[in-house]
């Protein structure tokens, strides 16, 4: 079960990272601030990935409890 949760967490972080890369953050930051944009994207990707992970695991655990 722990391997399943780790795989879901890893997949959600990757999915959030790929979707965050597509957004143009150059409008919100100063010119030539690529390092700040990369750090921001990484932190937001971890946060969004974790929220998605918690959502999926909660739905999964509630569905298991409902079927009992």
PDB file of N, CA and C in Angstrom:
ATOM      1  N   UNK A   1       0.828  -1.200   0.000  1.00  0.00           N
ATOM      2  CA  UNK A   1       0.000   0.000   0.000  1.00  0.00           C
ATOM      3  C   UNK A   1       0.870   1.261   0.000  1.00  0.00           C
ATOM      4  N   UNK A   2       1.988   1.214   0.711  1.00  0.00           N
ATOM      5  CA  UNK A   2       2.851   2.389   0.753  1.00  0.00           C
ATOM      6  C   UNK A   2       3.486   2.672  -0.602  1.00  0.00           C
ATOM      7  N   UNK A   3       3.812   1.614  -1.354  1.00  0.00           N
ATOM      8  CA  UNK A   3       4.385   1.809  -2.682  1.00  0.00           C
ATOM      9  C   UNK A   3       3.343   2.442  -3.601  1.00  0.00           C
ATOM     10  N   UNK A   4       2.092   2.023  -3.459  1.00  0.00           N
ATOM     11  CA  UNK A   4       0.999   2.609  -4.240  1.00  0.00           C
ATOM     12  C   UNK A   4       0.872   4.103  -3.940  1.00  0.00           C
ATOM     13  N   UNK A   5       0.927   4.479  -2.675  1.00  0.00           N
ATOM     14  CA  UNK A   5       0.816   5.896  -2.302  1.00  0.00           C
ATOM     15  C   UNK A   5       2.004   6.698  -2.819  1.00  0.00           C
ATOM     16  N   UNK A   6       3.198   6.128  -2.744  1.00  0.00           N
ATOM     17  CA  UNK A   6       4.375   6.830  -3.253  1.00  0.00           C
ATOM     18  C   UNK A   6       4.303   7.018  -4.769  1.00  0.00           C
ATOM     19  N   UNK A   7       3.806   6.020  -5.482  1.00  0.00           N
ATOM     20  CA  UNK A   7       3.675   6.149  -6.930  1.00  0.00           C
ATOM     21  C   UNK A   7       2.646   7.214  -7.288  1.00  0.00           C
ATOM     22  N   UNK A   8       1.542   7.262  -6.571  1.00  0.00           N
ATOM     23  CA  UNK A   8       0.530   8.293  -6.828  1.00  0.00           C
ATOM     24  C   UNK A   8       1.109   9.680  -6.537  1.00  0.00           C
ATOM     25  N   UNK A   9       1.821   9.831  -5.422  1.00  0.00           N
ATOM     26  CA  UNK A   9       2.432  11.125  -5.080  1.00  0.00           C
ATOM     27  C   UNK A   9       3.424  11.554  -6.146  1.00  0.00           C
ATOM     28  N   UNK A  10       4.295  10.647  -6.580  1.00  0.00           N
ATOM     29  CA  UNK A  10       5.283  10.964  -7.604  1.00  0.00           C
ATOM     30  C   UNK A  10       4.610  11.358  -8.914  1.00  0.00           C
ATOM     31  N   UNK A  11       3.579  10.611  -9.312  1.00  0.00           N
ATOM     32  CA  UNK A  11       2.866  10.913 -10.547  1.00  0.00           C
ATOM     33  C   UNK A  11       2.174  12.268 -10.470  1.00  0.00           C
ATOM     34  N   UNK A  12       1.573  12.588  -9.348  1.00  0.00           N
ATOM     35  CA  UNK A  12       0.867  13.864  -9.214  1.00  0.00           C
ATOM     36  C   UNK A  12       1.839  15.041  -9.230  1.00  0.00           C
ATOM     37  N   UNK A  13       3.003  14.890  -8.616  1.00  0.00           N
ATOM     38  CA  UNK A  13       4.005  15.963  -8.643  1.00  0.00           C
ATOM     39  C   UNK A  13       4.511  16.170 -10.069  1.00  0.00           C
ATOM     40  N   UNK A  14       4.754  15.069 -10.789  1.00  0.00           N
ATOM     41  CA  UNK A  14       5.189  15.201 -12.184  1.00  0.00           C
ATOM     42  C   UNK A  14       4.114  15.854 -13.047  1.00  0.00           C
ATOM     43  N   UNK A  15       2.885  15.454 -12.859  1.00  0.00           N
ATOM     44  CA  UNK A  15       1.784  16.042 -13.623  1.00  0.00           C
ATOM     45  C   UNK A  15       1.651  17.536 -13.344  1.00  0.00           C
ATOM     46  N   UNK A  16       1.760  17.916 -12.079  1.00  0.00           N
ATOM     47  CA  UNK A  16       1.684  19.336 -11.725  1.00  0.00           C
ATOM     48  C   UNK A  16       2.868  20.102 -12.305  1.00  0.00           C
ATOM     49  N   UNK A  17       4.048  19.487 -12.292  1.00  0.00           N
ATOM     50  CA  UNK A  17       5.236  20.152 -12.828  1.00  0.00           C
ATOM     51  C   UNK A  17       5.100  20.374 -14.328  1.00  0.00           C
ATOM     52  N   UNK A  18       4.660  19.363 -15.066  1.00  0.00           N
ATOM     53  CA  UNK A  18       4.494  19.523 -16.509  1.00  0.00           C
ATOM     54  C   UNK A  18       3.438  20.567 -16.844  1.00  0.00           C
ATOM     55  N   UNK A  19       2.398  20.631 -16.049  1.00  0.00           N
ATOM     56  CA  UNK A  19       1.371  21.633 -16.331  1.00  0.00           C
ATOM     57  C   UNK A  19       1.834  23.035 -15.938  1.00  0.00           C
ATOM     58  N   UNK A  20       2.643  23.165 -14.903  1.00  0.00           N
ATOM     59  CA  UNK A  20       3.140  24.479 -14.485  1.00  0.00           C
ATOM     60  C   UNK A  20       4.192  25.023 -15.452  1.00  0.00           C
ATOM     61  N   UNK A  21       4.928  24.138 -16.111  1.00  0.00           N
ATOM     62  CA  UNK A  21       5.954  24.577 -17.059  1.00  0.00           C
ATOM     63  C   UNK A  21       5.311  25.297 -18.243  1.00  0.00           C
ATOM     64  N   UNK A  22       4.100  24.907 -18.610  1.00  0.00           N
ATOM     65  CA  UNK A  22       3.411  25.492 -19.765  1.00  0.00           C
ATOM     66  C   UNK A  22       2.950  26.930 -19.525  1.00  0.00           C
ATOM     67  N   UNK A  23       2.888  27.343 -18.269  1.00  0.00           N
ATOM     68  CA  UNK A  23       2.404  28.690 -17.946  1.00  0.00           C
ATOM     69  C   UNK A  23       3.548  29.694 -18.101  1.00  0.00           C
ATOM     70  N   UNK A  24       3.265  30.846 -18.679  1.00  0.00           N
ATOM     71  CA  UNK A  24       4.269  31.892 -18.869  1.00  0.00           C
ATOM     72  C   UNK A  24       4.304  32.787 -17.631  1.00  0.00           C
ATOM     73  N   UNK A  25       5.311  32.577 -16.792  1.00  0.00           N
ATOM     74  CA  UNK A  25       5.450  33.363 -15.575  1.00  0.00           C
ATOM     75  C   UNK A  25       6.306  34.605 -15.783  1.00  0.00           C
ATOM     76  N   UNK A  26       6.777  34.817 -16.983  1.00  0.00           N
ATOM     77  CA  UNK A  26       7.597  35.985 -17.277  1.00  0.00           C
ATOM     78  C   UNK A  26       6.854  37.294 -17.068  1.00  0.00           C
ATOM     79  N   UNK A  27       5.535  37.251 -17.127  1.00  0.00           N
ATOM     80  CA  UNK A  27       4.735  38.465 -16.923  1.00  0.00           C
ATOM     81  C   UNK A  27       4.690  38.873 -15.455  1.00  0.00           C
ATOM     82  N   UNK A  28       4.872  37.916 -14.559  1.00  0.00           N
ATOM     83  CA  UNK A  28       4.754  38.187 -13.134  1.00  0.00           C
ATOM     84  C   UNK A  28       6.091  38.479 -12.452  1.00  0.00           C
ATOM     85  N   UNK A  29       7.189  38.084 -13.087  1.00  0.00           N
ATOM     86  CA  UNK A  29       8.520  38.273 -12.505  1.00  0.00           C
ATOM     87  C   UNK A  29       9.311  39.283 -13.325  1.00  0.00           C
ATOM     88  N   UNK A  30      10.405  39.747 -12.763  1.00  0.00           N
ATOM     89  CA  UNK A  30      11.285  40.671 -13.478  1.00  0.00           C
ATOM     90  C   UNK A  30      11.994  39.942 -14.609  1.00  0.00           C
ATOM     91  N   UNK A  31      12.556  40.702 -15.540  1.00  0.00           N
ATOM     92  CA  UNK A  31      13.316  40.103 -16.631  1.00  0.00           C
ATOM     93  C   UNK A  31      14.563  39.425 -16.076  1.00  0.00           C
ATOM     94  N   UNK A  32      14.987  38.376 -16.745  1.00  0.00           N
ATOM     95  CA  UNK A  32      16.180  37.598 -16.383  1.00  0.00           C
ATOM     96  C   UNK A  32      16.103  37.013 -14.967  1.00  0.00           C
ATOM     97  N   UNK A  33      14.935  36.621 -14.535  1.00  0.00           N
ATOM     98  CA  UNK A  33      14.793  35.996 -13.214  1.00  0.00           C
ATOM     99  C   UNK A  33      14.368  34.539 -13.377  1.00  0.00           C
ATOM    100  N   UNK A  34      15.120  33.819 -14.205  1.00  0.00           N
ATOM    101  CA  UNK A  34      14.765  32.428 -14.484  1.00  0.00           C
ATOM    102  C   UNK A  34      14.926  31.540 -13.250  1.00  0.00           C
ATOM    103  N   UNK A  35      15.895  31.826 -12.411  1.00  0.00           N
ATOM    104  CA  UNK A  35      16.113  31.013 -11.213  1.00  0.00           C
ATOM    105  C   UNK A  35      14.921  31.131 -10.265  1.00  0.00           C
ATOM    106  N   UNK A  36      14.415  32.337 -10.082  1.00  0.00           N
ATOM    107  CA  UNK A  36      13.254  32.529  -9.214  1.00  0.00           C
ATOM    108  C   UNK A  36      12.016  31.837  -9.783  1.00  0.00           C
ATOM    109  N   UNK A  37      11.863  31.891 -11.100  1.00  0.00           N
ATOM    110  CA  UNK A  37      10.720  31.234 -11.734  1.00  0.00           C
ATOM    111  C   UNK A  37      10.823  29.718 -11.566  1.00  0.00           C
ATOM    112  N   UNK A  38      12.012  29.161 -11.733  1.00  0.00           N
ATOM    113  CA  UNK A  38      12.186  27.716 -11.569  1.00  0.00           C
ATOM    114  C   UNK A  38      11.887  27.275 -10.146  1.00  0.00           C
ATOM    115  N   UNK A  39      12.364  28.022  -9.161  1.00  0.00           N
ATOM    116  CA  UNK A  39      12.095  27.683  -7.759  1.00  0.00           C
ATOM    117  C   UNK A  39      10.605  27.795  -7.466  1.00  0.00           C
ATOM    118  N   UNK A  40       9.973  28.834  -7.981  1.00  0.00           N
ATOM    119  CA  UNK A  40       8.535  29.014  -7.787  1.00  0.00           C
ATOM    120  C   UNK A  40       7.747  27.856  -8.396  1.00  0.00           C
ATOM    121  N   UNK A  41       8.112  27.464  -9.613  1.00  0.00           N
ATOM    122  CA  UNK A  41       7.412  26.358 -10.278  1.00  0.00           C
ATOM    123  C   UNK A  41       7.602  25.061  -9.504  1.00  0.00           C
ATOM    124  N   UNK A  42       8.784  24.811  -9.006  1.00  0.00           N
ATOM    125  CA  UNK A  42       9.044  23.591  -8.234  1.00  0.00           C
ATOM    126  C   UNK A  42       8.212  23.572  -6.963  1.00  0.00           C
ATOM    127  N   UNK A  43       8.196  24.679  -6.231  1.00  0.00           N
ATOM    128  CA  UNK A  43       7.437  24.721  -4.973  1.00  0.00           C
ATOM    129  C   UNK A  43       5.931  24.588  -5.212  1.00  0.00           C
ATOM    130  N   UNK A  44       5.421  25.276  -6.221  1.00  0.00           N
ATOM    131  CA  UNK A  44       3.990  25.179  -6.517  1.00  0.00           C
ATOM    132  C   UNK A  44       3.643  23.786  -7.040  1.00  0.00           C
ATOM    133  N   UNK A  45       4.550  23.173  -7.791  1.00  0.00           N
ATOM    134  CA  UNK A  45       4.310  21.818  -8.274  1.00  0.00           C
ATOM    135  C   UNK A  45       4.225  20.826  -7.126  1.00  0.00           C
ATOM    136  N   UNK A  46       5.105  20.956  -6.145  1.00  0.00           N
ATOM    137  CA  UNK A  46       5.035  20.086  -4.971  1.00  0.00           C
ATOM    138  C   UNK A  46       3.728  20.292  -4.216  1.00  0.00           C
ATOM    139  N   UNK A  47       3.320  21.537  -4.069  1.00  0.00           N
ATOM    140  CA  UNK A  47       2.080  21.823  -3.339  1.00  0.00           C
ATOM    141  C   UNK A  47       0.862  21.273  -4.090  1.00  0.00           C
ATOM    142  N   UNK A  48       0.778  21.518  -5.379  1.00  0.00           N
ATOM    143  CA  UNK A  48      -0.344  21.012  -6.164  1.00  0.00           C
ATOM    144  C   UNK A  48      -0.336  19.491  -6.257  1.00  0.00           C
ATOM    145  N   UNK A  49       0.845  18.916  -6.404  1.00  0.00           N
ATOM    146  CA  UNK A  49       0.960  17.460  -6.439  1.00  0.00           C
ATOM    147  C   UNK A  49       0.525  16.826  -5.133  1.00  0.00           C
ATOM    148  N   UNK A  50       0.908  17.440  -4.024  1.00  0.00           N
ATOM    149  CA  UNK A  50       0.512  16.915  -2.719  1.00  0.00           C
ATOM    150  C   UNK A  50      -0.998  17.034  -2.514  1.00  0.00           C
ATOM    151  N   UNK A  51      -1.583  18.156  -2.927  1.00  0.00           N
ATOM    152  CA  UNK A  51      -3.036  18.312  -2.805  1.00  0.00           C
ATOM    153  C   UNK A  51      -3.783  17.289  -3.662  1.00  0.00           C
ATOM    154  N   UNK A  52      -3.279  17.056  -4.872  1.00  0.00           N
ATOM    155  CA  UNK A  52      -3.888  16.034  -5.720  1.00  0.00           C
ATOM    156  C   UNK A  52      -3.739  14.647  -5.126  1.00  0.00           C
ATOM    157  N   UNK A  53      -2.582  14.369  -4.546  1.00  0.00           N
ATOM    158  CA  UNK A  53      -2.332  13.085  -3.888  1.00  0.00           C
ATOM    159  C   UNK A  53      -3.287  12.876  -2.715  1.00  0.00           C
ATOM    160  N   UNK A  54      -3.441  13.886  -1.876  1.00  0.00           N
ATOM    161  CA  UNK A  54      -4.340  13.781  -0.721  1.00  0.00           C
ATOM    162  C   UNK A  54      -5.782  13.561  -1.195  1.00  0.00           C
ATOM    163  N   UNK A  55      -6.166  14.242  -2.261  1.00  0.00           N
ATOM    164  CA  UNK A  55      -7.518  14.078  -2.792  1.00  0.00           C
ATOM    165  C   UNK A  55      -7.755  12.658  -3.280  1.00  0.00           C
ATOM    166  N   UNK A  56      -6.832  12.125  -4.057  1.00  0.00           N
ATOM    167  CA  UNK A  56      -6.995  10.775  -4.600  1.00  0.00           C
ATOM    168  C   UNK A  56      -6.990   9.734  -3.487  1.00  0.00           C
ATOM    169  N   UNK A  57      -6.072   9.852  -2.544  1.00  0.00           N
ATOM    170  CA  UNK A  57      -5.988   8.875  -1.453  1.00  0.00           C
ATOM    171  C   UNK A  57      -7.228   8.952  -0.566  1.00  0.00           C
ATOM    172  N   UNK A  58      -7.733  10.144  -0.305  1.00  0.00           N
ATOM    173  CA  UNK A  58      -8.948  10.280   0.510  1.00  0.00           C
ATOM    174  C   UNK A  58     -10.145   9.641  -0.182  1.00  0.00           C
ATOM    175  N   UNK A  59     -10.292   9.892  -1.472  1.00  0.00           N
ATOM    176  CA  UNK A  59     -11.396   9.280  -2.216  1.00  0.00           C
ATOM    177  C   UNK A  59     -11.250   7.761  -2.216  1.00  0.00           C
ATOM    178  N   UNK A  60     -10.036   7.276  -2.393  1.00  0.00           N
ATOM    179  CA  UNK A  60      -9.784   5.829  -2.397  1.00  0.00           C
ATOM    180  C   UNK A  60     -10.122   5.206  -1.043  1.00  0.00           C
ATOM    181  N   UNK A  61      -9.658   5.823   0.032  1.00  0.00           N
ATOM    182  CA  UNK A  61      -9.922   5.275   1.364  1.00  0.00           C
ATOM    183  C   UNK A  61     -11.402   5.371   1.730  1.00  0.00           C
ATOM    184  N   UNK A  62     -12.076   6.439   1.327  1.00  0.00           N
ATOM    185  CA  UNK A  62     -13.510   6.544   1.589  1.00  0.00           C
ATOM    186  C   UNK A  62     -14.291   5.501   0.802  1.00  0.00           C
ATOM    187  N   UNK A  63     -13.852   5.213  -0.406  1.00  0.00           N
ATOM    188  CA  UNK A  63     -14.551   4.195  -1.188  1.00  0.00           C
ATOM    189  C   UNK A  63     -14.343   2.809  -0.601  1.00  0.00           C
ATOM    190  N   UNK A  64     -13.168   2.559  -0.014  1.00  0.00           N
ATOM    191  CA  UNK A  64     -12.940   1.279   0.656  1.00  0.00           C
ATOM    192  C   UNK A  64     -13.814   1.143   1.899  1.00  0.00           C
ATOM    193  N   UNK A  65     -13.950   2.229   2.655  1.00  0.00           N
ATOM    194  CA  UNK A  65     -14.789   2.198   3.854  1.00  0.00           C
ATOM    195  C   UNK A  65     -16.261   2.082   3.498  1.00  0.00           C
ATOM    196  N   UNK A  66     -16.653   2.645   2.371  1.00  0.00           N
ATOM    197  CA  UNK A  66     -18.052   2.593   1.946  1.00  0.00           C
ATOM    198  C   UNK A  66     -18.448   1.181   1.535  1.00  0.00           C
ATOM    199  N   UNK A  67     -17.489   0.441   0.957  1.00  0.00           N
ATOM    200  CA  UNK A  67     -17.792  -0.904   0.477  1.00  0.00           C
ATOM    201  C   UNK A  67     -17.828  -1.943   1.593  1.00  0.00           C
ATOM    202  N   UNK A  68     -17.352  -1.614   2.764  1.00  0.00           N
ATOM    203  CA  UNK A  68     -17.323  -2.575   3.875  1.00  0.00           C
ATOM    204  C   UNK A  68     -18.679  -2.802   4.444  1.00  0.00           C
TER     205      UNK A  68
END
